Structures are given as structure tokens and as C-alpha cells.
Amino acid sequence: MPRGTLYDGGGLHPRHVRDRQFATVGFGRRGLNPAEVRRFLHRVALDLTALHHDLAQLSEENARMKRALRARQSAWSERRRP
């Protein structure tokens, strides 16, 4: 990722966080550009929020599918008993 540009694209990947470089502030000052850092952190927070939401939905769907499978297995075993 080029130095000093904002992340703009699809989902945020670990390499985007790992490789991110921020522009330094103007002449006579030290450190990184605070506005650029805040914008990037905001993007990280948004992507993490989306990932947590997706994970919660998938966990809920997984639990629902396990319950359905157990119910079907129980019904099948009941039918096979003499």
C-alpha cells in the first residue's frame, strides 16, 4: 500500500493493518497526521463491527442447524425401532 494514502477498497485484511503507513505531519512538527490515523482507525472499527455481526449470525445459524440435525436423527432412530 502506498505511503500516506487512505485505505479504500473491499474488506479490511490483516495485511492492510500490518502494512499501513501514515504520513508525517508538516514541517516543524513531529509524529503522524492525527486526522489520517483517526480515519484509518474508524475504518478498522467499522470492519471489525461487521465481522463480529457476521460471526454472531453464523454462530446462530450453526446452532440452529445442529438442533435440526439432532431432531432429524432422533426422528429417524424412532422410526427404525421395532
Protein backbone atom coordinates (compact mmCIF):
# COMPACT_ATOMS: atom_id res chain seq x y z
CA MET A 1 0.00 0.00 0.00
CA PRO A 2 1.46 3.38 -0.90
CA ARG A 3 2.64 5.58 1.91
CA GLY A 4 0.25 8.29 3.03
CA THR A 5 -2.87 7.14 1.20
CA LEU A 6 -6.13 6.20 2.83
CA TYR A 7 -7.36 2.64 2.64
CA ASP A 8 -10.19 2.41 0.15
CA GLY A 9 -11.40 -0.88 -1.15
CA GLY A 10 -13.25 -4.06 -0.22
CA GLY A 11 -12.89 -5.66 3.18
CA LEU A 12 -10.07 -4.88 5.51
CA HIS A 13 -7.44 -7.62 5.60
CA PRO A 14 -4.71 -8.16 8.21
CA ARG A 15 -2.10 -7.17 5.64
CA HIS A 16 -3.77 -3.75 5.30
CA VAL A 17 -3.34 -3.14 9.01
CA ARG A 18 0.15 -4.63 9.12
CA ASP A 19 1.43 -2.71 6.07
CA ARG A 20 -0.32 0.61 6.72
CA GLN A 21 1.94 3.65 6.80
CA PHE A 22 0.77 7.11 7.79
CA ALA A 23 2.03 10.44 6.52
CA THR A 24 4.05 12.54 8.93
CA VAL A 25 2.79 15.95 9.94
CA GLY A 26 4.06 19.15 8.39
CA PHE A 27 7.43 20.86 8.71
CA GLY A 28 8.47 21.68 12.26
CA ARG A 29 6.18 19.12 13.85
CA ARG A 30 6.78 15.54 14.82
CA GLY A 31 4.62 12.45 14.55
CA LEU A 32 1.84 11.19 12.33
CA ASN A 33 -1.07 13.05 10.84
CA PRO A 34 -3.77 12.64 13.53
CA ALA A 35 -6.69 13.00 11.09
CA GLU A 36 -5.31 10.24 8.86
CA VAL A 37 -4.80 7.91 11.83
CA ARG A 38 -8.35 8.59 13.08
CA ARG A 39 -9.84 7.87 9.63
CA PHE A 40 -7.97 4.59 9.40
CA LEU A 41 -8.93 3.54 12.93
CA HIS A 42 -12.55 4.36 12.13
CA ARG A 43 -12.36 2.05 9.10
CA VAL A 44 -10.83 -0.72 11.22
CA ALA A 45 -13.62 -0.31 13.78
CA LEU A 46 -16.31 -0.49 11.07
CA ASP A 47 -14.84 -3.65 9.56
CA LEU A 48 -14.48 -5.26 12.99
CA THR A 49 -18.10 -4.43 13.77
CA ALA A 50 -19.20 -6.08 10.52
CA LEU A 51 -17.07 -9.15 11.24
CA HIS A 52 -18.48 -9.52 14.75
CA HIS A 53 -22.01 -9.21 13.37
CA ASP A 54 -21.32 -11.85 10.71
CA LEU A 55 -19.74 -14.15 13.29
CA ALA A 56 -22.79 -13.85 15.56
CA GLN A 57 -25.12 -14.65 12.66
CA LEU A 58 -23.05 -17.66 11.64
CA SER A 59 -22.91 -18.96 15.20
CA GLU A 60 -26.69 -18.64 15.47
CA GLU A 61 -27.18 -20.43 12.14
CA ASN A 62 -24.76 -23.17 13.20
CA ALA A 63 -26.68 -23.75 16.44
CA ARG A 64 -29.98 -23.87 14.52
CA MET A 65 -28.61 -26.41 12.05
CA LYS A 66 -27.25 -28.59 14.88
CA ARG A 67 -30.68 -28.59 16.57
CA ALA A 68 -32.37 -29.52 13.29
CA LEU A 69 -29.88 -32.33 12.68
CA ARG A 70 -30.38 -33.74 16.20
CA ALA A 71 -34.16 -33.61 15.76
CA ARG A 72 -33.95 -35.39 12.41
CA GLN A 73 -31.60 -38.03 13.82
CA SER A 74 -33.95 -38.62 16.76
CA ALA A 75 -36.96 -38.92 14.46
CA TRP A 76 -35.07 -41.36 12.22
CA SER A 77 -33.98 -43.55 15.12
CA GLU A 78 -37.55 -43.59 16.49
CA ARG A 79 -38.88 -44.80 13.12
CA ARG A 80 -36.32 -47.59 12.90
CA ARG A 81 -37.20 -49.10 16.30
CA PRO A 82 -39.46 -52.19 16.13
